[in-house]
Protein backbone atom coordinates (compact mmCIF):
# COMPACT_ATOMS: atom_id res chain seq x y z
CA UNK A 1 -38.47 39.19 1.81
CA UNK A 2 -40.37 37.11 4.29
CA UNK A 3 -43.77 35.90 3.27
CA UNK A 4 -46.34 33.84 5.09
CA UNK A 5 -49.44 31.92 4.14
CA UNK A 6 -52.42 31.17 6.34
CA UNK A 7 -53.84 27.66 6.18
CA UNK A 8 -56.50 26.57 8.68
CA UNK A 9 -55.00 28.58 11.48
CA UNK A 10 -51.29 27.89 10.96
CA UNK A 11 -49.32 30.65 9.33
CA UNK A 12 -46.13 29.20 7.93
CA UNK A 13 -43.04 31.32 7.60
CA UNK A 14 -41.38 30.57 4.29
CA UNK A 15 -38.10 32.42 4.79
CA UNK A 16 -35.24 30.75 2.89
CA UNK A 17 -33.06 28.81 5.33
CA UNK A 18 -29.75 30.40 6.22
CA UNK A 19 -26.47 28.51 6.02
CA UNK A 20 -25.62 27.03 9.39
CA UNK A 21 -21.94 26.21 10.14
CA UNK A 22 -21.09 22.87 11.72
CA UNK A 23 -20.35 22.61 15.41
CA UNK A 24 -19.09 19.80 17.63
CA UNK A 25 -21.36 16.78 17.66
CA UNK A 26 -22.54 15.14 20.85
CA UNK A 27 -25.39 12.85 21.90
CA UNK A 28 -28.79 13.40 23.47
CA UNK A 29 -30.50 12.46 26.71
CA UNK A 30 -33.05 9.72 26.58
CA UNK A 31 -35.40 11.56 28.86
CA UNK A 32 -35.79 14.64 26.66
CA UNK A 33 -39.49 15.44 26.61
CA UNK A 34 -40.05 16.52 23.01
CA UNK A 35 -38.63 13.44 21.35
CA UNK A 36 -38.56 10.61 23.84
CA UNK A 37 -40.85 7.68 23.33
CA UNK A 38 -42.95 8.90 26.25
CA UNK A 39 -43.81 11.98 24.19
CA UNK A 40 -44.24 10.48 20.75
CA UNK A 41 -47.35 11.63 18.95
CA UNK A 42 -49.34 11.34 15.78
CA UNK A 43 -50.28 7.66 15.94
CA UNK A 44 -53.61 5.94 15.74
CA UNK A 45 -54.91 2.41 15.99
CA UNK A 46 -54.89 1.68 12.27
CA UNK A 47 -52.71 -1.19 11.17
CA UNK A 48 -49.41 -0.27 9.51
CA UNK A 49 -47.93 -2.11 6.56
CA UNK A 50 -44.46 -3.34 7.43
CA UNK A 51 -41.81 -4.62 5.10
CA UNK A 52 -40.93 -8.18 4.29
CA UNK A 53 -37.42 -7.03 3.35
CA UNK A 54 -34.79 -8.48 5.65
CA UNK A 55 -32.54 -6.31 7.76
CA UNK A 56 -29.98 -4.24 5.84
CA UNK A 57 -27.45 -6.09 3.69
CA UNK A 58 -26.75 -8.73 6.31
CA UNK A 59 -26.84 -12.21 4.81
CA UNK A 60 -29.84 -14.37 5.57
CA UNK A 61 -29.01 -16.68 8.47
CA UNK A 62 -30.63 -19.76 9.92
CA UNK A 63 -32.06 -18.14 13.02
CA UNK A 64 -33.95 -19.80 15.80
CA UNK A 65 -34.87 -19.27 19.41
CA UNK A 66 -36.68 -16.65 21.44
CA UNK A 67 -35.77 -13.09 22.43
CA UNK A 68 -37.47 -10.21 24.21
CA UNK A 69 -37.96 -6.82 22.53
CA UNK A 70 -38.75 -3.89 24.82
CA UNK A 71 -40.15 -0.51 23.79
CA UNK A 72 -40.77 2.65 25.79
CA UNK A 73 -44.41 3.68 26.17
CA UNK A 74 -45.42 2.81 22.61
CA UNK A 75 -48.26 0.41 23.29
CA UNK A 76 -50.88 3.13 23.50
CA UNK A 77 -51.65 3.60 19.82
CA UNK A 78 -49.01 1.55 18.02
CA UNK A 79 -49.98 -2.00 18.95
CA UNK A 80 -50.96 -2.92 15.39
CA UNK A 81 -47.70 -1.61 13.96
CA UNK A 82 -45.50 -3.57 16.37
CA UNK A 83 -47.62 -6.71 16.28
CA UNK A 84 -47.39 -6.70 12.49
CA UNK A 85 -43.66 -5.96 12.67
CA UNK A 86 -43.06 -8.96 14.92
CA UNK A 87 -45.34 -11.19 12.82
CA UNK A 88 -43.51 -10.27 9.62
CA UNK A 89 -40.15 -11.11 11.14
CA UNK A 90 -41.37 -14.40 12.56
CA UNK A 91 -42.87 -15.32 9.19
CA UNK A 92 -39.49 -14.78 7.55
CA UNK A 93 -37.78 -16.75 10.32
CA UNK A 94 -40.28 -19.49 11.30
CA UNK A 95 -38.12 -20.92 14.08
CA UNK A 96 -38.00 -17.65 16.01
CA UNK A 97 -40.20 -16.05 18.65
CA UNK A 98 -40.08 -12.33 19.47
CA UNK A 99 -41.72 -11.40 22.77
CA UNK A 100 -42.68 -7.74 22.58
CA UNK A 101 -43.05 -5.92 25.90
CA UNK A 102 -43.65 -2.25 26.56
CA UNK A 103 -42.68 -0.23 29.62
CA UNK A 104 -44.43 2.93 30.83
CA UNK A 105 -42.80 6.32 30.45
CA UNK A 106 -42.21 6.98 34.14
CA UNK A 107 -38.93 5.65 35.48
CA UNK A 108 -37.86 3.92 32.28
CA UNK A 109 -34.15 4.62 32.67
CA UNK A 110 -34.20 3.47 36.29
CA UNK A 111 -35.96 0.28 35.17
CA UNK A 112 -33.23 -0.38 32.62
CA UNK A 113 -30.53 0.04 35.25
CA UNK A 114 -32.37 -2.24 37.68
CA UNK A 115 -32.85 -4.92 35.02
CA UNK A 116 -29.19 -4.72 34.06
CA UNK A 117 -28.14 -5.18 37.69
CA UNK A 118 -30.52 -8.11 38.09
CA UNK A 119 -29.46 -9.80 34.85
CA UNK A 120 -32.95 -9.44 33.35
CA UNK A 121 -32.26 -6.79 30.72
CA UNK A 122 -34.25 -7.56 27.53
CA UNK A 123 -32.36 -8.77 24.46
CA UNK A 124 -33.36 -5.83 22.24
CA UNK A 125 -34.04 -2.45 23.81
CA UNK A 126 -35.61 0.86 22.78
CA UNK A 127 -33.15 3.34 24.28
CA UNK A 128 -31.81 6.89 24.08
CA UNK A 129 -28.15 7.94 24.23
CA UNK A 130 -27.99 8.87 27.93
CA UNK A 131 -29.35 5.51 29.09
CA UNK A 132 -27.25 3.74 26.45
CA UNK A 133 -24.11 5.47 27.70
CA UNK A 134 -24.83 4.36 31.26
CA UNK A 135 -25.42 0.74 30.27
CA UNK A 136 -22.52 0.69 27.83
CA UNK A 137 -20.23 1.98 30.57
CA UNK A 138 -21.16 -1.14 32.52
CA UNK A 139 -20.51 -3.39 29.47
CA UNK A 140 -24.20 -4.24 29.20
CA UNK A 141 -24.68 -3.21 25.55
CA UNK A 142 -23.17 -4.69 22.43
CA UNK A 143 -20.62 -2.52 20.63
CA UNK A 144 -22.03 -2.54 17.11
CA UNK A 145 -18.90 -1.02 15.63
CA UNK A 146 -17.27 -4.35 16.44
CA UNK A 147 -20.21 -6.77 16.25
CA UNK A 148 -21.84 -5.36 13.09
CA UNK A 149 -19.57 -2.73 11.52
CA UNK A 150 -21.15 -2.86 8.04
CA UNK A 151 -24.43 -1.60 9.51
CA UNK A 152 -23.05 1.94 9.68
CA UNK A 153 -23.68 2.41 5.96
CA UNK A 154 -27.43 1.88 6.42
CA UNK A 155 -28.00 5.00 8.55
CA UNK A 156 -27.58 8.75 8.32
CA UNK A 157 -23.99 9.53 9.36
CA UNK A 158 -25.04 11.95 12.10
CA UNK A 159 -27.40 9.43 13.61
CA UNK A 160 -24.71 6.73 13.73
CA UNK A 161 -22.30 9.24 15.25
CA UNK A 162 -24.87 10.15 17.88
CA UNK A 163 -24.79 6.57 19.18
CA UNK A 164 -20.98 6.43 18.95
CA UNK A 165 -19.48 7.46 22.27
CA UNK A 166 -16.04 9.05 22.21
CA UNK A 167 -15.72 8.60 25.96
CA UNK A 168 -16.12 4.83 25.52
CA UNK A 169 -13.48 4.21 22.88
CA UNK A 170 -15.69 5.33 19.99
CA UNK A 171 -17.90 2.27 20.31
CA UNK A 172 -21.40 2.41 18.84
CA UNK A 173 -24.12 1.20 21.20
CA UNK A 174 -27.40 1.41 19.33
CA UNK A 175 -28.84 1.09 15.83
CA UNK A 176 -30.28 4.53 15.05
CA UNK A 177 -34.07 4.40 14.94
CA UNK A 178 -36.21 7.51 14.93
CA UNK A 179 -35.29 11.18 14.99
CA UNK A 180 -37.17 14.32 15.83
CA UNK A 181 -36.65 18.00 15.56
CA UNK A 182 -39.15 20.70 15.10
CA UNK A 183 -39.96 24.20 14.15
CA UNK A 184 -40.36 27.11 16.48
CA UNK A 185 -43.95 28.11 17.16
CA UNK A 186 -44.87 31.75 17.74
CA UNK A 187 -48.07 33.32 19.05
CA UNK A 188 -48.64 36.03 16.45
CA UNK A 189 -51.48 37.58 18.43
CA UNK A 190 -49.02 38.37 21.22
CA UNK A 191 -46.50 39.66 18.69
CA UNK A 192 -49.03 42.10 17.28
CA UNK A 193 -50.22 43.18 20.73
CA UNK A 194 -46.70 43.71 22.08
CA UNK A 195 -45.03 45.86 19.45
CA UNK A 196 -43.53 43.19 17.22
CA UNK A 197 -43.94 42.38 13.55
CA UNK A 198 -45.43 38.90 13.26
CA UNK A 199 -44.10 38.71 9.70
CA UNK A 200 -40.50 39.06 10.96
CA UNK A 201 -40.04 36.11 13.27
CA UNK A 202 -36.66 35.65 14.97
CA UNK A 203 -34.29 33.01 13.63
CA UNK A 204 -31.07 33.68 15.56
CA UNK A 205 -30.50 34.18 19.27
CA UNK A 206 -29.65 37.86 18.79
CA UNK A 207 -33.00 38.36 17.05
CA UNK A 208 -34.78 36.34 19.73
CA UNK A 209 -33.37 38.33 22.63
CA UNK A 210 -33.96 41.67 20.87
CA UNK A 211 -37.59 40.81 20.20
CA UNK A 212 -38.04 39.36 23.68
CA UNK A 213 -36.85 42.65 25.16
CA UNK A 214 -39.32 44.58 22.98
CA UNK A 215 -42.14 42.28 24.04
CA UNK A 216 -41.24 42.75 27.70
CA UNK A 217 -41.17 46.53 27.32
CA UNK A 218 -44.56 46.66 25.60
CA UNK A 219 -46.29 43.89 27.58
CA UNK A 220 -44.73 43.46 31.00
CA UNK A 221 -46.78 40.36 31.77
CA UNK A 222 -46.04 38.56 28.47
CA UNK A 223 -42.62 36.92 28.15
CA UNK A 224 -41.22 35.58 24.90
CA UNK A 225 -39.12 32.88 26.57
CA UNK A 226 -40.53 30.38 29.06
CA UNK A 227 -37.57 28.56 30.62
CA UNK A 228 -33.82 28.46 31.16
CA UNK A 229 -31.43 27.24 28.45
CA UNK A 230 -30.70 23.51 28.45
CA UNK A 231 -27.52 21.87 27.25
CA UNK A 232 -28.85 21.62 23.70
CA UNK A 233 -29.55 25.38 23.76
CA UNK A 234 -25.84 25.93 24.32
CA UNK A 235 -25.14 23.74 21.29
CA UNK A 236 -27.51 25.69 19.06
CA UNK A 237 -25.98 28.93 20.35
CA UNK A 238 -22.65 27.72 18.97
CA UNK A 239 -21.00 26.60 22.22
CA UNK A 240 -18.48 23.75 22.19
CA UNK A 241 -19.96 21.33 24.71
CA UNK A 242 -17.14 18.78 25.08
CA UNK A 243 -13.59 18.24 23.90
CA UNK A 244 -13.06 16.06 20.84
CA UNK A 245 -12.07 13.08 22.97
CA UNK A 246 -15.37 13.19 24.86
CA UNK A 247 -13.49 13.20 28.16
CA UNK A 248 -14.27 16.70 29.42
CA UNK A 249 -17.16 19.18 29.29
CA UNK A 250 -16.20 22.63 27.98
CA UNK A 251 -19.40 24.68 27.86
CA UNK A 252 -18.01 27.20 30.40
CA UNK A 253 -16.18 28.90 27.54
CA UNK A 254 -16.67 32.45 26.27
CA UNK A 255 -19.67 31.62 24.11
CA UNK A 256 -21.37 29.75 26.95
CA UNK A 257 -20.88 32.65 29.33
CA UNK A 258 -22.33 35.03 26.73
CA UNK A 259 -25.48 32.94 26.44
CA UNK A 260 -26.07 33.15 30.20
CA UNK A 261 -25.33 36.90 30.07
CA UNK A 262 -28.03 37.27 27.40
CA UNK A 263 -30.57 35.55 29.65
CA UNK A 264 -29.46 37.65 32.62
CA UNK A 265 -29.92 40.89 30.68
CA UNK A 266 -33.35 39.77 29.53
CA UNK A 267 -34.34 38.94 33.10
CA UNK A 268 -33.22 42.37 34.28
CA UNK A 269 -35.33 43.91 31.49
CA UNK A 270 -38.41 42.05 32.70
CA UNK A 271 -38.40 39.50 29.90
CA UNK A 272 -38.24 36.41 32.12
CA UNK A 273 -40.60 35.62 34.96
CA UNK A 274 -39.59 34.20 38.33
CA UNK A 275 -41.45 31.02 37.46
CA UNK A 276 -39.41 30.54 34.28
CA UNK A 277 -36.21 30.24 36.33
CA UNK A 278 -37.30 26.80 37.50
CA UNK A 279 -39.60 25.86 34.64
CA UNK A 280 -39.08 22.75 32.57
CA UNK A 281 -40.45 21.78 29.17
CA UNK A 282 -43.86 20.74 30.44
CA UNK A 283 -44.44 24.12 32.04
CA UNK A 284 -43.19 25.96 28.99
CA UNK A 285 -45.61 24.03 26.79
CA UNK A 286 -48.53 24.69 29.10
CA UNK A 287 -47.68 28.40 29.22
CA UNK A 288 -47.71 28.62 25.44
CA UNK A 289 -50.97 26.68 25.19
CA UNK A 290 -52.52 29.08 27.71
CA UNK A 291 -51.59 32.05 25.49
CA UNK A 292 -49.10 33.49 27.98
CA UNK A 293 -45.88 32.91 26.04
CA UNK A 294 -44.62 34.22 22.72
CA UNK A 295 -42.27 31.43 21.61
CA UNK A 296 -42.25 27.64 21.90
CA UNK A 297 -39.37 25.50 20.59
CA UNK A 298 -41.45 22.53 19.52
CA UNK A 299 -41.26 19.30 17.60
CA UNK A 300 -43.08 17.78 14.67
CA UNK A 301 -45.99 16.64 16.84
CA UNK A 302 -46.46 19.94 18.71
CA UNK A 303 -48.83 21.04 15.96
CA UNK A 304 -51.29 18.24 16.64
CA UNK A 305 -51.13 18.91 20.37
CA UNK A 306 -51.87 22.61 19.87
CA UNK A 307 -54.73 21.91 17.49
CA UNK A 308 -56.36 19.42 19.86
CA UNK A 309 -55.73 21.05 23.26
CA UNK A 310 -55.33 24.78 22.55
CA UNK A 311 -57.44 25.61 19.47
CA UNK A 312 -57.63 29.34 20.25
CA UNK A 313 -53.85 29.60 20.34
CA UNK A 314 -53.54 27.36 17.30
CA UNK A 315 -55.53 29.86 15.26
CA UNK A 316 -52.75 32.43 15.82
CA UNK A 317 -49.66 30.24 15.53
CA UNK A 318 -46.87 30.89 13.04
CA UNK A 319 -44.02 28.49 12.43
CA UNK A 320 -40.36 29.20 11.79
CA UNK A 321 -37.06 27.30 12.06
CA UNK A 322 -35.62 26.46 15.45
CA UNK A 323 -33.73 29.41 16.90
CA UNK A 324 -30.07 28.67 16.22
CA UNK A 325 -26.77 30.37 15.52
CA UNK A 326 -25.35 27.00 14.51
CA UNK A 327 -27.14 23.88 13.28
CA UNK A 328 -30.56 23.13 14.78
CA UNK A 329 -30.93 20.43 17.41
CA UNK A 330 -32.45 17.01 16.92
CA UNK A 331 -33.18 14.09 19.24
CA UNK A 332 -32.61 10.41 18.61
CA UNK A 333 -33.93 7.08 19.85
CA UNK A 334 -32.14 3.84 19.06
CA UNK A 335 -32.46 0.07 19.27
CA UNK A 336 -29.67 -1.51 21.33
CA UNK A 337 -28.66 -5.13 21.84
CA UNK A 338 -27.97 -6.60 25.27
CA UNK A 339 -24.33 -7.73 25.30
CA UNK A 340 -25.31 -10.56 27.66
CA UNK A 341 -28.05 -11.88 25.38
CA UNK A 342 -27.96 -15.66 24.96
CA UNK A 343 -29.08 -15.27 21.34
CA UNK A 344 -27.10 -12.36 19.97
CA UNK A 345 -27.42 -13.40 16.32
CA UNK A 346 -31.20 -13.26 16.54
CA UNK A 347 -31.12 -10.05 18.57
CA UNK A 348 -28.88 -8.32 16.03
CA UNK A 349 -30.97 -9.48 13.09
CA UNK A 350 -34.20 -8.31 14.70
CA UNK A 351 -32.72 -4.94 15.76
CA UNK A 352 -31.65 -4.31 12.19
CA UNK A 353 -35.06 -5.38 10.95
CA UNK A 354 -36.79 -2.86 13.24
CA UNK A 355 -34.50 -0.09 12.01
CA UNK A 356 -34.26 -0.90 8.31
CA UNK A 357 -35.36 1.72 5.82
CA UNK A 358 -38.78 0.28 4.96
CA UNK A 359 -39.83 -0.29 8.55
CA UNK A 360 -38.58 3.12 9.65
CA UNK A 361 -40.58 4.77 6.88
CA UNK A 362 -43.68 2.80 7.85
CA UNK A 363 -43.32 3.85 11.49
CA UNK A 364 -42.77 7.48 10.48
CA UNK A 365 -46.11 7.40 8.69
CA UNK A 366 -47.76 6.20 11.91
CA UNK A 367 -46.07 8.70 14.22
CA UNK A 368 -44.81 12.26 13.93
CA UNK A 369 -41.16 11.23 13.75
CA UNK A 370 -38.39 11.00 11.17
CA UNK A 371 -36.36 7.98 10.02
CA UNK A 372 -32.62 7.68 10.53
CA UNK A 373 -32.16 5.14 7.72
CA UNK A 374 -30.01 6.54 4.94
CA UNK A 375 -32.08 7.84 2.03
CA UNK A 376 -35.43 7.63 3.80
CA UNK A 377 -35.86 11.39 4.03
CA UNK A 378 -35.84 11.53 0.22
CA UNK A 379 -39.22 9.81 0.15
CA UNK A 380 -42.01 12.10 -1.20
CA UNK A 381 -43.73 11.79 2.19
CA UNK A 382 -41.00 14.11 3.54
CA UNK A 383 -40.36 16.26 0.47
CA UNK A 384 -43.73 17.02 -1.12
CA UNK A 385 -46.18 19.31 0.63
CA UNK A 386 -49.88 18.60 0.54
CA UNK A 387 -52.60 21.08 1.36
CA UNK A 388 -52.52 20.51 5.09
CA UNK A 389 -50.76 22.02 8.08
CA UNK A 390 -49.39 18.64 9.11
CA UNK A 391 -47.79 18.09 5.73
CA UNK A 392 -46.17 21.53 5.71
CA UNK A 393 -44.77 21.06 9.20
CA UNK A 394 -43.50 17.58 8.31
CA UNK A 395 -41.67 18.80 5.20
CA UNK A 396 -40.20 21.79 7.04
CA UNK A 397 -38.99 19.64 9.92
CA UNK A 398 -37.63 16.95 7.59
CA UNK A 399 -35.48 19.57 5.88
CA UNK A 400 -34.22 20.61 9.29
CA UNK A 401 -33.34 17.00 10.20
CA UNK A 402 -30.97 16.95 7.25
CA UNK A 403 -29.03 19.84 8.76
CA UNK A 404 -29.44 19.09 12.45
CA UNK A 405 -27.03 17.91 15.12
CA UNK A 406 -27.69 15.79 18.21
CA UNK A 407 -26.35 18.11 20.87
CA UNK A 408 -27.14 16.57 24.25
CA UNK A 409 -23.94 14.65 25.20
CA UNK A 410 -24.80 11.08 26.22
CA UNK A 411 -22.54 11.44 29.26
CA UNK A 412 -24.46 14.52 30.43
CA UNK A 413 -26.76 13.05 33.04
CA UNK A 414 -30.19 14.27 34.10
CA UNK A 415 -28.60 15.24 37.44
CA UNK A 416 -26.08 17.41 35.59
CA UNK A 417 -28.93 18.97 33.62
CA UNK A 418 -30.79 19.85 36.83
CA UNK A 419 -27.62 21.30 38.37
CA UNK A 420 -26.96 23.43 35.28
CA UNK A 421 -30.47 24.85 35.36
CA UNK A 422 -30.12 25.72 39.04
CA UNK A 423 -26.76 27.42 38.51
CA UNK A 424 -28.03 29.46 35.57
CA UNK A 425 -30.99 30.63 37.65
CA UNK A 426 -28.60 31.80 40.38
CA UNK A 427 -26.51 33.67 37.82
CA UNK A 428 -29.53 35.32 36.27
CA UNK A 429 -30.65 36.55 39.67
CA UNK A 430 -27.18 37.96 40.38
CA UNK A 431 -26.25 35.52 43.14
CA UNK A 432 -23.13 34.49 41.25
CA UNK A 433 -21.46 35.42 37.98
CA UNK A 434 -22.30 33.58 34.75
CA UNK A 435 -18.70 32.38 34.61
CA UNK A 436 -18.86 30.97 38.14
CA UNK A 437 -22.20 29.30 37.44
CA UNK A 438 -20.87 27.55 34.36
CA UNK A 439 -17.54 26.66 35.97
CA UNK A 440 -19.38 24.92 38.78
CA UNK A 441 -21.74 23.21 36.32
CA UNK A 442 -18.81 21.92 34.25
CA UNK A 443 -17.02 20.71 37.38
CA UNK A 444 -20.16 18.91 38.52
CA UNK A 445 -20.66 17.22 35.15
CA UNK A 446 -16.99 16.27 34.83
CA UNK A 447 -16.96 14.70 38.28
CA UNK A 448 -19.82 12.44 37.21
CA UNK A 449 -18.13 11.74 33.91
CA UNK A 450 -15.03 10.57 35.78
CA UNK A 451 -17.12 8.30 37.97
CA UNK A 452 -18.61 6.37 35.04
């Protein structure tokens, strides 16, 4: 039986988690809003304690010289953490200098590509799988499976796999850094107003679409769902996204077509608005914060955002697991090494230092993220609930990280994502069949895959 408890406005669903079968693993796009560094949340200006433990099990080396370390929009709130991190490393290696630079969120991937072309790519880079795949395809990133194979044992297997690209000879092109996933957030006031039981939140896609149809029938101006499915939605639905070799997209299969059919039926029943056909994550979030949307697939820092910017909605929010027929989705950010670096030994050592277990845990306590270092999620910070909403959300999401998959294939470009959204919108409106829409989307993505 489902139960829920109200704590300072957040009603937490405590339904036991269902078994979720494994599905094919793929990567994730760097530009994904709810995990990317440009969306990271939960930090403040307090100094973080960083470790004086050296990186992984790699033997201490006589390191010297200077390298550049670039992060993605992390200077606003995490200066103390990174300054201390750099200072600790330099103290351990007195003949080294680490120049930390930070780039703004806008246009980060384009900046990386431009720097690579100009020969000015930093030595150590904060990067997501999509950008890493692009740079690795151009031989601009170090293959860690060759340069530092023992490092694999220091990270969660799924996180290492997420930075291992089948389409590039199974090379690994980034030390896993931070992860994020999140619960679903539901507006229980809308549930109660629109004929639904707010104590029976949906957990599977069948339950979601059934309840969305009920909401649409009872409240014609209140949708449950705020935007089209993205590639990771197909993964959570149980769709095989690529072949095992990573050489061909396959999401135009029977399960993929059924997902689009579900959205089409909901649209015909009045459960999707015209605006939602072109909406992206920012619009979906704003719609939920305005009290106009029943469901928001969020992340671990959505709670803080709701509390600070939409307190009226926050008072009526309930949390449940991400909607999934298979494993839930998670996002990943990594630390890559420039293959053209003139000081690769120092770059490798520093990249492993940034991503070692102690430093990942320290960063997780500054920001609403989760570590990828093996064993870090066993820390009481992620397993023991305190009497606060933030603690309950953190523990719930940390449990989900242990089960989650990184679905967004690294070779699936932002252009392919836009094309998929457009094709699904045409199918939902009846301008083409779901099968045709997905066939064309797969062809489009495969053409770009072949051009890498």
